[in-house]
Amino acid sequence: MKTLTTTKIIEATVAATAILAGAAVIIPAAGILAAVGLVAGGLVAMAALESKGRAY
């Protein structure tokens, strides 16, 4: 019985570690993508304003 409990604890620890590791990889990647999106959006907006300014 004790072995079974120990195995379950180890499995739970491994699963929790895997979830945390996955989150540690996915969350920064999403943050980087959001930052890239913001920068790209800003550049597009600036380019649009520039072209409008030069059209006059």
N, C-alpha and C. Protein backbone atom coordinates (compact mmCIF):
# COMPACT_ATOMS: atom_id res chain seq x y z
N MET A 1 0.83 -1.20 0.00
CA MET A 1 0.00 0.00 0.00
C MET A 1 0.87 1.26 0.00
N LYS A 2 1.94 1.23 0.78
CA LYS A 2 2.82 2.39 0.86
C LYS A 2 3.50 2.67 -0.48
N THR A 3 3.87 1.60 -1.18
CA THR A 3 4.51 1.75 -2.48
C THR A 3 3.56 2.42 -3.47
N LEU A 4 2.30 2.01 -3.42
CA LEU A 4 1.29 2.56 -4.32
C LEU A 4 1.13 4.06 -4.07
N THR A 5 1.08 4.46 -2.83
CA THR A 5 0.93 5.87 -2.47
C THR A 5 2.14 6.67 -2.94
N THR A 6 3.32 6.12 -2.72
CA THR A 6 4.55 6.80 -3.15
C THR A 6 4.56 6.97 -4.65
N THR A 7 4.15 5.93 -5.38
CA THR A 7 4.11 5.99 -6.84
C THR A 7 3.13 7.07 -7.28
N LYS A 8 1.97 7.14 -6.64
CA LYS A 8 0.98 8.17 -6.99
C LYS A 8 1.53 9.57 -6.74
N ILE A 9 2.23 9.73 -5.63
CA ILE A 9 2.82 11.04 -5.30
C ILE A 9 3.85 11.43 -6.36
N ILE A 10 4.68 10.47 -6.75
CA ILE A 10 5.70 10.73 -7.77
C ILE A 10 5.04 11.09 -9.09
N GLU A 11 4.01 10.33 -9.47
CA GLU A 11 3.30 10.60 -10.72
C GLU A 11 2.67 11.99 -10.69
N ALA A 12 2.06 12.35 -9.57
CA ALA A 12 1.43 13.66 -9.44
C ALA A 12 2.48 14.77 -9.53
N THR A 13 3.63 14.54 -8.93
CA THR A 13 4.72 15.53 -8.97
C THR A 13 5.22 15.70 -10.39
N VAL A 14 5.41 14.58 -11.09
CA VAL A 14 5.87 14.63 -12.48
C VAL A 14 4.85 15.36 -13.35
N ALA A 15 3.57 15.05 -13.15
CA ALA A 15 2.51 15.70 -13.93
C ALA A 15 2.49 17.20 -13.66
N ALA A 16 2.58 17.59 -12.40
CA ALA A 16 2.58 19.01 -12.03
C ALA A 16 3.79 19.72 -12.63
N THR A 17 4.94 19.06 -12.59
CA THR A 17 6.15 19.65 -13.16
C THR A 17 6.00 19.84 -14.66
N ALA A 18 5.42 18.83 -15.32
CA ALA A 18 5.22 18.92 -16.77
C ALA A 18 4.27 20.07 -17.11
N ILE A 19 3.21 20.23 -16.33
CA ILE A 19 2.23 21.30 -16.57
C ILE A 19 2.91 22.66 -16.38
N LEU A 20 3.67 22.80 -15.30
CA LEU A 20 4.35 24.07 -15.03
C LEU A 20 5.38 24.38 -16.11
N ALA A 21 6.11 23.35 -16.53
CA ALA A 21 7.11 23.55 -17.58
C ALA A 21 6.43 23.97 -18.88
N GLY A 22 5.31 23.33 -19.18
CA GLY A 22 4.55 23.70 -20.38
C GLY A 22 4.07 25.13 -20.31
N ALA A 23 3.55 25.52 -19.15
CA ALA A 23 3.07 26.89 -18.97
C ALA A 23 4.22 27.88 -19.07
N ALA A 24 5.37 27.50 -18.54
CA ALA A 24 6.54 28.39 -18.58
C ALA A 24 7.00 28.62 -20.01
N VAL A 25 6.76 27.64 -20.88
CA VAL A 25 7.14 27.79 -22.30
C VAL A 25 6.05 28.53 -23.06
N ILE A 26 4.78 28.16 -22.84
CA ILE A 26 3.67 28.71 -23.62
C ILE A 26 3.39 30.17 -23.28
N ILE A 27 3.37 30.51 -21.99
CA ILE A 27 2.99 31.86 -21.58
C ILE A 27 3.96 32.93 -22.12
N PRO A 28 5.28 32.75 -21.96
CA PRO A 28 6.18 33.75 -22.55
C PRO A 28 6.07 33.82 -24.07
N ALA A 29 5.85 32.68 -24.71
CA ALA A 29 5.70 32.68 -26.17
C ALA A 29 4.49 33.51 -26.57
N ALA A 30 3.39 33.36 -25.83
CA ALA A 30 2.18 34.15 -26.11
C ALA A 30 2.46 35.63 -25.87
N GLY A 31 3.21 35.93 -24.81
CA GLY A 31 3.55 37.31 -24.51
C GLY A 31 4.41 37.92 -25.60
N ILE A 32 5.36 37.14 -26.10
CA ILE A 32 6.24 37.62 -27.18
C ILE A 32 5.42 37.86 -28.44
N LEU A 33 4.51 36.93 -28.76
CA LEU A 33 3.65 37.10 -29.93
C LEU A 33 2.80 38.35 -29.80
N ALA A 34 2.25 38.59 -28.61
CA ALA A 34 1.43 39.79 -28.38
C ALA A 34 2.27 41.04 -28.58
N ALA A 35 3.49 41.04 -28.05
CA ALA A 35 4.38 42.20 -28.20
C ALA A 35 4.72 42.43 -29.67
N VAL A 36 5.00 41.36 -30.39
CA VAL A 36 5.30 41.48 -31.83
C VAL A 36 4.09 42.04 -32.56
N GLY A 37 2.90 41.55 -32.19
CA GLY A 37 1.66 42.05 -32.81
C GLY A 37 1.47 43.54 -32.56
N LEU A 38 1.74 43.97 -31.33
CA LEU A 38 1.61 45.40 -30.99
C LEU A 38 2.59 46.24 -31.79
N VAL A 39 3.83 45.78 -31.86
CA VAL A 39 4.85 46.53 -32.61
C VAL A 39 4.48 46.59 -34.09
N ALA A 40 4.06 45.46 -34.65
CA ALA A 40 3.68 45.42 -36.06
C ALA A 40 2.49 46.35 -36.31
N GLY A 41 1.50 46.31 -35.41
CA GLY A 41 0.34 47.19 -35.53
C GLY A 41 0.75 48.64 -35.48
N GLY A 42 1.66 48.97 -34.58
CA GLY A 42 2.15 50.34 -34.48
C GLY A 42 2.87 50.79 -35.74
N LEU A 43 3.68 49.90 -36.31
CA LEU A 43 4.41 50.23 -37.54
C LEU A 43 3.45 50.45 -38.69
N VAL A 44 2.42 49.61 -38.78
CA VAL A 44 1.43 49.76 -39.85
C VAL A 44 0.70 51.09 -39.69
N ALA A 45 0.31 51.42 -38.45
CA ALA A 45 -0.39 52.68 -38.19
C ALA A 45 0.51 53.87 -38.54
N MET A 46 1.79 53.79 -38.18
CA MET A 46 2.72 54.88 -38.49
C MET A 46 2.89 55.01 -40.00
N ALA A 47 2.99 53.89 -40.69
CA ALA A 47 3.15 53.91 -42.14
C ALA A 47 1.91 54.53 -42.79
N ALA A 48 0.73 54.19 -42.28
CA ALA A 48 -0.51 54.75 -42.82
C ALA A 48 -0.55 56.26 -42.62
N LEU A 49 -0.16 56.70 -41.43
CA LEU A 49 -0.14 58.14 -41.15
C LEU A 49 0.89 58.86 -42.03
N GLU A 50 2.03 58.24 -42.20
CA GLU A 50 3.08 58.83 -43.04
C GLU A 50 2.59 58.99 -44.47
N SER A 51 1.97 57.93 -45.00
CA SER A 51 1.52 57.99 -46.39
C SER A 51 0.41 59.03 -46.54
N LYS A 52 -0.46 59.15 -45.54
CA LYS A 52 -1.51 60.17 -45.60
C LYS A 52 -0.90 61.56 -45.54
N GLY A 53 0.09 61.71 -44.66
CA GLY A 53 0.76 63.00 -44.52
C GLY A 53 1.46 63.42 -45.80
N ARG A 54 2.03 62.48 -46.50
CA ARG A 54 2.77 62.80 -47.72
C ARG A 54 1.83 62.96 -48.91
N ALA A 55 0.62 62.42 -48.80
CA ALA A 55 -0.32 62.52 -49.91
C ALA A 55 -0.83 63.96 -50.04
N TYR A 56 -0.81 64.70 -48.94
CA TYR A 56 -1.37 66.06 -49.00
C TYR A 56 -0.41 67.01 -49.69
